[in-house]
C-alpha atoms as a PDB file:
ATOM      1  CA  UNK A   1     171.471  82.179 -68.187  1.00  0.00           C
ATOM      2  CA  UNK A   2     169.521  79.203 -69.590  1.00  0.00           C
ATOM      3  CA  UNK A   3     166.106  80.792 -68.841  1.00  0.00           C
ATOM      4  CA  UNK A   4     167.252  84.047 -70.477  1.00  0.00           C
ATOM      5  CA  UNK A   5     168.437  82.182 -73.575  1.00  0.00           C
ATOM      6  CA  UNK A   6     165.128  80.346 -73.762  1.00  0.00           C
ATOM      7  CA  UNK A   7     163.206  83.577 -73.412  1.00  0.00           C
ATOM      8  CA  UNK A   8     165.114  85.589 -76.000  1.00  0.00           C
ATOM      9  CA  UNK A   9     166.433  82.978 -78.406  1.00  0.00           C
ATOM     10  CA  UNK A  10     164.340  79.817 -78.051  1.00  0.00           C
ATOM     11  CA  UNK A  11     165.349  77.264 -80.671  1.00  0.00           C
ATOM     12  CA  UNK A  12     168.369  79.208 -81.946  1.00  0.00           C
ATOM     13  CA  UNK A  13     171.200  76.952 -83.074  1.00  0.00           C
ATOM     14  CA  UNK A  14     174.007  79.451 -83.557  1.00  0.00           C
ATOM     15  CA  UNK A  15     174.726  80.393 -79.932  1.00  0.00           C
ATOM     16  CA  UNK A  16     177.890  79.892 -77.939  1.00  0.00           C
ATOM     17  CA  UNK A  17     178.252  80.153 -74.174  1.00  0.00           C
ATOM     18  CA  UNK A  18     181.206  81.890 -72.534  1.00  0.00           C
ATOM     19  CA  UNK A  19     182.326  81.347 -68.957  1.00  0.00           C
ATOM     20  CA  UNK A  20     184.001  84.571 -67.837  1.00  0.00           C
ATOM     21  CA  UNK A  21     186.163  85.249 -64.807  1.00  0.00           C
ATOM     22  CA  UNK A  22     184.694  88.395 -63.192  1.00  0.00           C
ATOM     23  CA  UNK A  23     187.985  89.115 -61.412  1.00  0.00           C
ATOM     24  CA  UNK A  24     189.543  89.767 -64.830  1.00  0.00           C
ATOM     25  CA  UNK A  25     186.954  92.467 -65.589  1.00  0.00           C
ATOM     26  CA  UNK A  26     187.881  94.962 -62.885  1.00  0.00           C
ATOM     27  CA  UNK A  27     186.775  98.417 -63.995  1.00  0.00           C
ATOM     28  CA  UNK A  28     184.929  97.067 -67.040  1.00  0.00           C
ATOM     29  CA  UNK A  29     181.561  96.353 -65.398  1.00  0.00           C
ATOM     30  CA  UNK A  30     178.815  98.836 -64.586  1.00  0.00           C
ATOM     31  CA  UNK A  31     175.356  98.258 -63.180  1.00  0.00           C
ATOM     32  CA  UNK A  32     172.484  99.527 -65.298  1.00  0.00           C
ATOM     33  CA  UNK A  33     168.834  98.869 -64.437  1.00  0.00           C
ATOM     34  CA  UNK A  34     170.026  96.454 -61.786  1.00  0.00           C
ATOM     35  CA  UNK A  35     172.027  94.364 -64.236  1.00  0.00           C
ATOM     36  CA  UNK A  36     175.778  94.176 -64.845  1.00  0.00           C
ATOM     37  CA  UNK A  37     176.932  95.452 -68.225  1.00  0.00           C
ATOM     38  CA  UNK A  38     180.327  95.183 -69.879  1.00  0.00           C
ATOM     39  CA  UNK A  39     181.932  98.485 -70.807  1.00  0.00           C
ATOM     40  CA  UNK A  40     184.303  98.185 -73.750  1.00  0.00           C
ATOM     41  CA  UNK A  41     185.728  95.037 -75.370  1.00  0.00           C
ATOM     42  CA  UNK A  42     185.824  91.690 -73.577  1.00  0.00           C
ATOM     43  CA  UNK A  43     189.442  90.837 -72.638  1.00  0.00           C
ATOM     44  CA  UNK A  44     190.438  87.460 -74.042  1.00  0.00           C
ATOM     45  CA  UNK A  45     192.158  86.552 -70.790  1.00  0.00           C
ATOM     46  CA  UNK A  46     188.833  86.825 -68.962  1.00  0.00           C
ATOM     47  CA  UNK A  47     187.295  83.983 -70.996  1.00  0.00           C
ATOM     48  CA  UNK A  48     187.754  80.660 -69.250  1.00  0.00           C
ATOM     49  CA  UNK A  49     185.632  78.461 -71.530  1.00  0.00           C
ATOM     50  CA  UNK A  50     183.722  78.642 -74.813  1.00  0.00           C
ATOM     51  CA  UNK A  51     181.185  75.919 -75.622  1.00  0.00           C
ATOM     52  CA  UNK A  52     178.406  75.447 -78.157  1.00  0.00           C
ATOM     53  CA  UNK A  53     175.062  76.403 -76.612  1.00  0.00           C
ATOM     54  CA  UNK A  54     172.612  74.192 -78.474  1.00  0.00           C
ATOM     55  CA  UNK A  55     168.895  74.017 -77.637  1.00  0.00           C
ATOM     56  CA  UNK A  56     167.167  70.885 -76.451  1.00  0.00           C
ATOM     57  CA  UNK A  57     164.541  69.114 -78.569  1.00  0.00           C
ATOM     58  CA  UNK A  58     161.809  71.499 -77.367  1.00  0.00           C
ATOM     59  CA  UNK A  59     163.895  74.590 -78.136  1.00  0.00           C
ATOM     60  CA  UNK A  60     164.707  75.421 -74.514  1.00  0.00           C
ATOM     61  CA  UNK A  61     168.245  75.750 -73.223  1.00  0.00           C
ATOM     62  CA  UNK A  62     170.141  73.974 -70.475  1.00  0.00           C
ATOM     63  CA  UNK A  63     173.626  74.941 -69.319  1.00  0.00           C
ATOM     64  CA  UNK A  64     176.155  72.354 -70.568  1.00  0.00           C
ATOM     65  CA  UNK A  65     177.813  70.339 -67.832  1.00  0.00           C
ATOM     66  CA  UNK A  66     181.329  71.555 -68.701  1.00  0.00           C
ATOM     67  CA  UNK A  67     180.177  75.171 -68.409  1.00  0.00           C
ATOM     68  CA  UNK A  68     178.515  74.487 -65.059  1.00  0.00           C
ATOM     69  CA  UNK A  69     181.721  72.949 -63.701  1.00  0.00           C
ATOM     70  CA  UNK A  70     183.876  75.776 -65.072  1.00  0.00           C
ATOM     71  CA  UNK A  71     181.632  78.354 -63.419  1.00  0.00           C
ATOM     72  CA  UNK A  72     181.753  76.505 -60.103  1.00  0.00           C
ATOM     73  CA  UNK A  73     185.527  76.330 -60.281  1.00  0.00           C
ATOM     74  CA  UNK A  74     185.731  80.121 -60.598  1.00  0.00           C
ATOM     75  CA  UNK A  75     183.831  80.539 -57.354  1.00  0.00           C
ATOM     76  CA  UNK A  76     185.556  77.739 -55.450  1.00  0.00           C
ATOM     77  CA  UNK A  77     187.650  78.602 -52.381  1.00  0.00           C
ATOM     78  CA  UNK A  78     191.315  79.154 -53.190  1.00  0.00           C
ATOM     79  CA  UNK A  79     192.658  77.683 -49.950  1.00  0.00           C
ATOM     80  CA  UNK A  80     191.702  75.300 -47.166  1.00  0.00           C
ATOM     81  CA  UNK A  81     191.459  78.194 -44.723  1.00  0.00           C
ATOM     82  CA  UNK A  82     189.048  80.030 -47.046  1.00  0.00           C
ATOM     83  CA  UNK A  83     186.928  76.888 -47.362  1.00  0.00           C
ATOM     84  CA  UNK A  84     186.855  76.464 -43.592  1.00  0.00           C
ATOM     85  CA  UNK A  85     185.855  80.116 -43.161  1.00  0.00           C
ATOM     86  CA  UNK A  86     182.917  79.573 -45.524  1.00  0.00           C
ATOM     87  CA  UNK A  87     181.864  76.456 -43.640  1.00  0.00           C
ATOM     88  CA  UNK A  88     182.041  78.327 -40.332  1.00  0.00           C
ATOM     89  CA  UNK A  89     179.806  81.067 -41.724  1.00  0.00           C
ATOM     90  CA  UNK A  90     177.201  78.465 -42.709  1.00  0.00           C
ATOM     91  CA  UNK A  91     177.394  76.606 -39.387  1.00  0.00           C
ATOM     92  CA  UNK A  92     177.733  79.583 -37.046  1.00  0.00           C
ATOM     93  CA  UNK A  93     175.348  79.023 -34.142  1.00  0.00           C
ATOM     94  CA  UNK A  94     174.698  75.371 -35.042  1.00  0.00           C
ATOM     95  CA  UNK A  95     175.585  74.277 -31.519  1.00  0.00           C
ATOM     96  CA  UNK A  96     176.444  70.658 -32.373  1.00  0.00           C
ATOM     97  CA  UNK A  97     179.638  69.043 -33.703  1.00  0.00           C
ATOM     98  CA  UNK A  98     180.498  69.370 -37.381  1.00  0.00           C
ATOM     99  CA  UNK A  99     183.556  68.926 -39.578  1.00  0.00           C
ATOM    100  CA  UNK A 100     184.619  70.007 -43.077  1.00  0.00           C
ATOM    101  CA  UNK A 101     185.228  66.872 -45.145  1.00  0.00           C
ATOM    102  CA  UNK A 102     185.670  65.901 -48.785  1.00  0.00           C
ATOM    103  CA  UNK A 103     188.759  66.972 -50.685  1.00  0.00           C
ATOM    104  CA  UNK A 104     189.416  69.834 -48.286  1.00  0.00           C
ATOM    105  CA  UNK A 105     190.046  67.279 -45.530  1.00  0.00           C
ATOM    106  CA  UNK A 106     192.851  65.698 -47.551  1.00  0.00           C
ATOM    107  CA  UNK A 107     194.298  69.026 -48.711  1.00  0.00           C
ATOM    108  CA  UNK A 108     194.368  70.698 -45.295  1.00  0.00           C
ATOM    109  CA  UNK A 109     197.225  68.638 -43.769  1.00  0.00           C
ATOM    110  CA  UNK A 110     199.465  69.346 -46.765  1.00  0.00           C
ATOM    111  CA  UNK A 111     198.966  73.102 -46.978  1.00  0.00           C
ATOM    112  CA  UNK A 112     198.555  72.756 -50.759  1.00  0.00           C
ATOM    113  CA  UNK A 113     195.352  72.732 -52.831  1.00  0.00           C
ATOM    114  CA  UNK A 114     195.706  69.695 -55.087  1.00  0.00           C
ATOM    115  CA  UNK A 115     192.692  70.346 -57.328  1.00  0.00           C
ATOM    116  CA  UNK A 116     189.588  72.498 -57.524  1.00  0.00           C
ATOM    117  CA  UNK A 117     186.964  71.492 -54.963  1.00  0.00           C
ATOM    118  CA  UNK A 118     183.625  72.692 -56.290  1.00  0.00           C
ATOM    119  CA  UNK A 119     181.532  72.522 -53.123  1.00  0.00           C
ATOM    120  CA  UNK A 120     181.668  72.237 -49.354  1.00  0.00           C
ATOM    121  CA  UNK A 121     181.080  68.836 -47.748  1.00  0.00           C
ATOM    122  CA  UNK A 122     180.104  69.483 -44.151  1.00  0.00           C
ATOM    123  CA  UNK A 123     179.894  66.442 -41.894  1.00  0.00           C
ATOM    124  CA  UNK A 124     177.327  66.243 -39.080  1.00  0.00           C
ATOM    125  CA  UNK A 125     176.052  63.484 -36.789  1.00  0.00           C
ATOM    126  CA  UNK A 126     172.724  61.822 -37.533  1.00  0.00           C
ATOM    127  CA  UNK A 127     171.154  62.585 -34.107  1.00  0.00           C
ATOM    128  CA  UNK A 128     171.649  66.294 -34.904  1.00  0.00           C
ATOM    129  CA  UNK A 129     169.437  66.319 -38.021  1.00  0.00           C
ATOM    130  CA  UNK A 130     166.574  68.126 -36.202  1.00  0.00           C
ATOM    131  CA  UNK A 131     169.085  70.747 -35.042  1.00  0.00           C
ATOM    132  CA  UNK A 132     170.321  71.129 -38.621  1.00  0.00           C
ATOM    133  CA  UNK A 133     166.801  71.649 -39.961  1.00  0.00           C
ATOM    134  CA  UNK A 134     166.162  74.440 -37.478  1.00  0.00           C
ATOM    135  CA  UNK A 135     169.593  75.946 -38.067  1.00  0.00           C
ATOM    136  CA  UNK A 136     169.072  76.186 -41.832  1.00  0.00           C
ATOM    137  CA  UNK A 137     165.673  77.810 -41.697  1.00  0.00           C
ATOM    138  CA  UNK A 138     165.563  80.109 -44.693  1.00  0.00           C
ATOM    139  CA  UNK A 139     167.471  77.620 -46.852  1.00  0.00           C
ATOM    140  CA  UNK A 140     166.050  75.307 -49.478  1.00  0.00           C
ATOM    141  CA  UNK A 141     166.736  71.788 -48.225  1.00  0.00           C
ATOM    142  CA  UNK A 142     166.591  68.638 -50.334  1.00  0.00           C
ATOM    143  CA  UNK A 143     167.351  64.945 -50.081  1.00  0.00           C
ATOM    144  CA  UNK A 144     168.269  62.683 -52.961  1.00  0.00           C
ATOM    145  CA  UNK A 145     165.814  59.829 -53.454  1.00  0.00           C
ATOM    146  CA  UNK A 146     165.922  57.468 -56.432  1.00  0.00           C
ATOM    147  CA  UNK A 147     168.035  59.977 -58.345  1.00  0.00           C
ATOM    148  CA  UNK A 148     165.656  62.911 -57.834  1.00  0.00           C
ATOM    149  CA  UNK A 149     165.664  65.816 -55.399  1.00  0.00           C
ATOM    150  CA  UNK A 150     162.913  65.822 -52.790  1.00  0.00           C
ATOM    151  CA  UNK A 151     162.088  68.613 -50.334  1.00  0.00           C
ATOM    152  CA  UNK A 152     163.326  67.788 -46.845  1.00  0.00           C
ATOM    153  CA  UNK A 153     160.827  68.665 -44.129  1.00  0.00           C
ATOM    154  CA  UNK A 154     163.102  67.808 -41.209  1.00  0.00           C
ATOM    155  CA  UNK A 155     162.297  64.137 -40.652  1.00  0.00           C
ATOM    156  CA  UNK A 156     165.176  61.702 -40.168  1.00  0.00           C
ATOM    157  CA  UNK A 157     163.599  58.815 -42.055  1.00  0.00           C
ATOM    158  CA  UNK A 158     163.922  60.385 -45.521  1.00  0.00           C
ATOM    159  CA  UNK A 159     167.613  61.214 -45.075  1.00  0.00           C
ATOM    160  CA  UNK A 160     170.016  58.566 -46.272  1.00  0.00           C
ATOM    161  CA  UNK A 161     173.452  60.062 -45.810  1.00  0.00           C
ATOM    162  CA  UNK A 162     173.192  63.540 -47.322  1.00  0.00           C
ATOM    163  CA  UNK A 163     171.192  66.750 -47.268  1.00  0.00           C
ATOM    164  CA  UNK A 164     171.578  69.318 -50.053  1.00  0.00           C
ATOM    165  CA  UNK A 165     171.182  72.965 -49.097  1.00  0.00           C
ATOM    166  CA  UNK A 166     171.156  76.325 -50.855  1.00  0.00           C
ATOM    167  CA  UNK A 167     169.941  79.763 -49.726  1.00  0.00           C
ATOM    168  CA  UNK A 168     166.237  79.950 -50.546  1.00  0.00           C
ATOM    169  CA  UNK A 169     165.700  82.545 -53.286  1.00  0.00           C
ATOM    170  CA  UNK A 170     162.133  81.506 -54.130  1.00  0.00           C
ATOM    171  CA  UNK A 171     163.064  79.312 -57.070  1.00  0.00           C
ATOM    172  CA  UNK A 172     162.359  75.592 -56.986  1.00  0.00           C
ATOM    173  CA  UNK A 173     165.008  73.889 -59.059  1.00  0.00           C
ATOM    174  CA  UNK A 174     164.140  70.408 -60.273  1.00  0.00           C
ATOM    175  CA  UNK A 175     167.488  69.394 -61.785  1.00  0.00           C
ATOM    176  CA  UNK A 176     170.179  68.428 -59.317  1.00  0.00           C
ATOM    177  CA  UNK A 177     172.785  69.996 -61.617  1.00  0.00           C
ATOM    178  CA  UNK A 178     171.100  73.401 -61.286  1.00  0.00           C
ATOM    179  CA  UNK A 179     170.746  72.998 -57.529  1.00  0.00           C
ATOM    180  CA  UNK A 180     174.425  72.088 -57.136  1.00  0.00           C
ATOM    181  CA  UNK A 181     175.468  74.991 -59.378  1.00  0.00           C
ATOM    182  CA  UNK A 182     174.138  77.567 -56.907  1.00  0.00           C
ATOM    183  CA  UNK A 183     177.078  79.588 -55.495  1.00  0.00           C
ATOM    184  CA  UNK A 184     175.760  79.005 -51.975  1.00  0.00           C
ATOM    185  CA  UNK A 185     175.310  75.249 -52.365  1.00  0.00           C
ATOM    186  CA  UNK A 186     176.441  73.092 -49.435  1.00  0.00           C
ATOM    187  CA  UNK A 187     176.268  69.319 -49.050  1.00  0.00           C
ATOM    188  CA  UNK A 188     175.709  67.997 -45.532  1.00  0.00           C
ATOM    189  CA  UNK A 189     177.039  64.475 -45.019  1.00  0.00           C
ATOM    190  CA  UNK A 190     175.352  62.549 -42.226  1.00  0.00           C
ATOM    191  CA  UNK A 191     177.501  60.280 -40.048  1.00  0.00           C
ATOM    192  CA  UNK A 192     176.103  57.415 -37.990  1.00  0.00           C
ATOM    193  CA  UNK A 193     176.539  57.189 -34.225  1.00  0.00           C
ATOM    194  CA  UNK A 194     175.972  54.054 -32.174  1.00  0.00           C
ATOM    195  CA  UNK A 195     176.409  53.872 -28.408  1.00  0.00           C
ATOM    196  CA  UNK A 196     178.351  57.109 -28.435  1.00  0.00           C
ATOM    197  CA  UNK A 197     180.828  55.977 -31.098  1.00  0.00           C
ATOM    198  CA  UNK A 198     181.165  56.894 -34.753  1.00  0.00           C
ATOM    199  CA  UNK A 199     180.143  54.049 -37.078  1.00  0.00           C
ATOM    200  CA  UNK A 200     181.182  53.782 -40.726  1.00  0.00           C
ATOM    201  CA  UNK A 201     177.898  53.746 -42.614  1.00  0.00           C
ATOM    202  CA  UNK A 202     179.194  51.393 -45.314  1.00  0.00           C
ATOM    203  CA  UNK A 203     180.354  48.775 -42.819  1.00  0.00           C
ATOM    204  CA  UNK A 204     179.215  48.983 -39.167  1.00  0.00           C
ATOM    205  CA  UNK A 205     182.137  46.760 -38.116  1.00  0.00           C
ATOM    206  CA  UNK A 206     184.326  49.832 -38.495  1.00  0.00           C
ATOM    207  CA  UNK A 207     183.806  51.924 -35.372  1.00  0.00           C
ATOM    208  CA  UNK A 208     185.826  54.526 -33.519  1.00  0.00           C
ATOM    209  CA  UNK A 209     185.487  57.163 -30.804  1.00  0.00           C
ATOM    210  CA  UNK A 210     184.126  60.454 -32.088  1.00  0.00           C
ATOM    211  CA  UNK A 211     187.586  61.930 -31.526  1.00  0.00           C
ATOM    212  CA  UNK A 212     188.745  59.963 -34.590  1.00  0.00           C
ATOM    213  CA  UNK A 213     186.762  62.392 -36.756  1.00  0.00           C
ATOM    214  CA  UNK A 214     188.910  65.323 -35.649  1.00  0.00           C
ATOM    215  CA  UNK A 215     188.299  68.516 -33.741  1.00  0.00           C
ATOM    216  CA  UNK A 216     184.697  69.765 -34.179  1.00  0.00           C
ATOM    217  CA  UNK A 217     184.496  72.957 -36.199  1.00  0.00           C
ATOM    218  CA  UNK A 218     187.624  72.007 -38.151  1.00  0.00           C
ATOM    219  CA  UNK A 219     188.630  69.546 -40.836  1.00  0.00           C
ATOM    220  CA  UNK A 220     187.618  65.899 -40.832  1.00  0.00           C
ATOM    221  CA  UNK A 221     190.718  63.826 -40.132  1.00  0.00           C
ATOM    222  CA  UNK A 222     192.241  62.712 -43.464  1.00  0.00           C
ATOM    223  CA  UNK A 223     192.265  58.990 -42.659  1.00  0.00           C
ATOM    224  CA  UNK A 224     188.467  59.074 -42.245  1.00  0.00           C
ATOM    225  CA  UNK A 225     188.043  61.117 -45.424  1.00  0.00           C
ATOM    226  CA  UNK A 226     190.183  58.573 -47.301  1.00  0.00           C
ATOM    227  CA  UNK A 227     188.117  55.679 -45.973  1.00  0.00           C
ATOM    228  CA  UNK A 228     185.055  57.205 -47.626  1.00  0.00           C
ATOM    229  CA  UNK A 229     187.012  57.860 -50.816  1.00  0.00           C
ATOM    230  CA  UNK A 230     188.377  54.308 -51.014  1.00  0.00           C
ATOM    231  CA  UNK A 231     185.380  52.791 -52.895  1.00  0.00           C
ATOM    232  CA  UNK A 232     185.516  55.644 -55.426  1.00  0.00           C
ATOM    233  CA  UNK A 233     189.138  54.763 -56.209  1.00  0.00           C
ATOM    234  CA  UNK A 234     187.851  51.442 -57.602  1.00  0.00           C
ATOM    235  CA  UNK A 235     185.060  53.039 -59.655  1.00  0.00           C
ATOM    236  CA  UNK A 236     184.916  52.254 -63.372  1.00  0.00           C
ATOM    237  CA  UNK A 237     184.385  55.944 -64.132  1.00  0.00           C
ATOM    238  CA  UNK A 238     187.805  57.456 -64.680  1.00  0.00           C
ATOM    239  CA  UNK A 239     186.867  60.923 -63.388  1.00  0.00           C
ATOM    240  CA  UNK A 240     185.512  59.543 -60.111  1.00  0.00           C
ATOM    241  CA  UNK A 241     188.395  57.147 -59.493  1.00  0.00           C
ATOM    242  CA  UNK A 242     190.962  59.705 -60.638  1.00  0.00           C
ATOM    243  CA  UNK A 243     189.914  62.260 -58.032  1.00  0.00           C
ATOM    244  CA  UNK A 244     189.962  59.696 -55.218  1.00  0.00           C
ATOM    245  CA  UNK A 245     193.399  58.438 -56.210  1.00  0.00           C
ATOM    246  CA  UNK A 246     194.714  61.982 -56.528  1.00  0.00           C
ATOM    247  CA  UNK A 247     193.514  62.805 -53.019  1.00  0.00           C
ATOM    248  CA  UNK A 248     195.173  59.672 -51.620  1.00  0.00           C
ATOM    249  CA  UNK A 249     198.479  60.338 -53.381  1.00  0.00           C
ATOM    250  CA  UNK A 250     198.410  63.939 -52.196  1.00  0.00           C
ATOM    251  CA  UNK A 251     198.012  63.237 -48.487  1.00  0.00           C
ATOM    252  CA  UNK A 252     199.366  59.724 -47.847  1.00  0.00           C
ATOM    253  CA  UNK A 253     202.857  61.007 -47.057  1.00  0.00           C
ATOM    254  CA  UNK A 254     201.388  63.275 -44.376  1.00  0.00           C
ATOM    255  CA  UNK A 255     199.666  60.516 -42.392  1.00  0.00           C
ATOM    256  CA  UNK A 256     201.367  59.539 -39.139  1.00  0.00           C
ATOM    257  CA  UNK A 257     201.816  55.970 -37.883  1.00  0.00           C
ATOM    258  CA  UNK A 258     198.497  55.931 -35.985  1.00  0.00           C
ATOM    259  CA  UNK A 259     196.515  57.285 -38.922  1.00  0.00           C
ATOM    260  CA  UNK A 260     197.990  54.728 -41.335  1.00  0.00           C
ATOM    261  CA  UNK A 261     197.423  51.832 -38.958  1.00  0.00           C
ATOM    262  CA  UNK A 262     193.821  52.850 -38.355  1.00  0.00           C
ATOM    263  CA  UNK A 263     193.098  53.230 -42.081  1.00  0.00           C
ATOM    264  CA  UNK A 264     194.735  49.887 -42.912  1.00  0.00           C
ATOM    265  CA  UNK A 265     192.582  48.154 -40.280  1.00  0.00           C
ATOM    266  CA  UNK A 266     189.430  49.888 -41.528  1.00  0.00           C
ATOM    267  CA  UNK A 267     190.148  48.963 -45.153  1.00  0.00           C
ATOM    268  CA  UNK A 268     190.965  45.359 -44.283  1.00  0.00           C
ATOM    269  CA  UNK A 269     187.554  45.100 -42.626  1.00  0.00           C
ATOM    270  CA  UNK A 270     185.500  46.985 -45.190  1.00  0.00           C
ATOM    271  CA  UNK A 271     187.417  46.481 -48.442  1.00  0.00           C
ATOM    272  CA  UNK A 272     189.834  43.512 -48.222  1.00  0.00           C
ATOM    273  CA  UNK A 273     192.512  43.579 -50.897  1.00  0.00           C
ATOM    274  CA  UNK A 274     192.151  47.304 -51.571  1.00  0.00           C
ATOM    275  CA  UNK A 275     195.352  48.552 -53.275  1.00  0.00           C
ATOM    276  CA  UNK A 276     195.704  51.377 -50.776  1.00  0.00           C
ATOM    277  CA  UNK A 277     196.512  48.857 -48.023  1.00  0.00           C
ATOM    278  CA  UNK A 278     199.851  48.042 -49.619  1.00  0.00           C
ATOM    279  CA  UNK A 279     200.536  51.665 -50.438  1.00  0.00           C
ATOM    280  CA  UNK A 280     200.006  52.655 -46.820  1.00  0.00           C
ATOM    281  CA  UNK A 281     202.560  50.080 -45.707  1.00  0.00           C
ATOM    282  CA  UNK A 282     205.036  51.043 -48.433  1.00  0.00           C
ATOM    283  CA  UNK A 283     204.918  54.711 -47.442  1.00  0.00           C
ATOM    284  CA  UNK A 284     205.429  54.019 -43.751  1.00  0.00           C
ATOM    285  CA  UNK A 285     209.163  54.718 -43.455  1.00  0.00           C
ATOM    286  CA  UNK A 286     209.111  57.954 -45.449  1.00  0.00           C
ATOM    287  CA  UNK A 287     206.029  59.187 -43.602  1.00  0.00           C
ATOM    288  CA  UNK A 288     207.524  58.402 -40.185  1.00  0.00           C
ATOM    289  CA  UNK A 289     210.676  60.351 -41.018  1.00  0.00           C
ATOM    290  CA  UNK A 290     208.624  63.331 -42.144  1.00  0.00           C
ATOM    291  CA  UNK A 291     206.384  63.199 -39.074  1.00  0.00           C
ATOM    292  CA  UNK A 292     209.277  62.886 -36.637  1.00  0.00           C
ATOM    293  CA  UNK A 293     210.896  65.935 -38.226  1.00  0.00           C
ATOM    294  CA  UNK A 294     207.654  67.908 -37.859  1.00  0.00           C
ATOM    295  CA  UNK A 295     207.303  66.888 -34.229  1.00  0.00           C
ATOM    296  CA  UNK A 296     210.813  68.177 -33.521  1.00  0.00           C
ATOM    297  CA  UNK A 297     209.707  71.691 -34.529  1.00  0.00           C
ATOM    298  CA  UNK A 298     207.864  73.163 -31.549  1.00  0.00           C
ATOM    299  CA  UNK A 299     205.973  75.655 -33.688  1.00  0.00           C
ATOM    300  CA  UNK A 300     204.787  73.132 -36.274  1.00  0.00           C
ATOM    301  CA  UNK A 301     201.309  71.686 -35.597  1.00  0.00           C
ATOM    302  CA  UNK A 302     200.538  67.978 -35.862  1.00  0.00           C
ATOM    303  CA  UNK A 303     199.677  67.432 -39.578  1.00  0.00           C
ATOM    304  CA  UNK A 304     196.069  66.334 -39.089  1.00  0.00           C
ATOM    305  CA  UNK A 305     195.143  68.850 -36.427  1.00  0.00           C
ATOM    306  CA  UNK A 306     192.156  70.962 -37.430  1.00  0.00           C
ATOM    307  CA  UNK A 307     192.908  74.631 -37.992  1.00  0.00           C
END
């Protein structure tokens, strides 16, 4: 939309940008000359956001951040199972272990989506980076270096802990915001392995068998996801810390005794004095009662089992 605005209305200062839910336009869209066109009036209920669309200093346009996020939210999976299905489509045929992490890993045990998750965070093991590069042939692959996106050619040295991927449509997007706004965008998070064990990349003293990550092809176990979210909970930026705290509050009551004990030990090693340590202890009795009730129901799966 920004290139079209630049082409047809460069420098104009009286534009507004609407984010519209296409699901609310059923029967009102037709395709003409390969482009969707609205037939009839625009229903008010279809409009999710209206923002001023002001040009930059050179007269060109760039999609405002709030509009980008609103558009991503419209296309976000509506359930953990839908998110996992999308991840499985991306990773089909990968042949090495992977897990779905991020906010979906903390929502999955609860059965409730706590907030909109705007992308997929797929966890892989660092030794499998060459496999990943071959698997995503036909995708545009980038790494983040010094705040800028760089093309990833498949080497391990240039990868810190993430690879950004989107289906290659011939464009070469320079802004990370535009890259992340692609509907097919996926973030691959790279986990460290040492002597056959998973190693926390922020503190190598925290180690565990690979089984601690969860069942491959499913959700990352929530205690591991929370360990990675713990530093964000202390961030000065309210949006960043708010999301991490929300995820913790949402899932803490669903952690069993083993998961809590492991997370407490990991936090005491990597982040002594973290407020979550006390919260994990305070929630122990309520969580144990809930877990014991779940275990008494033969048809109810263990809360952190991948599905």
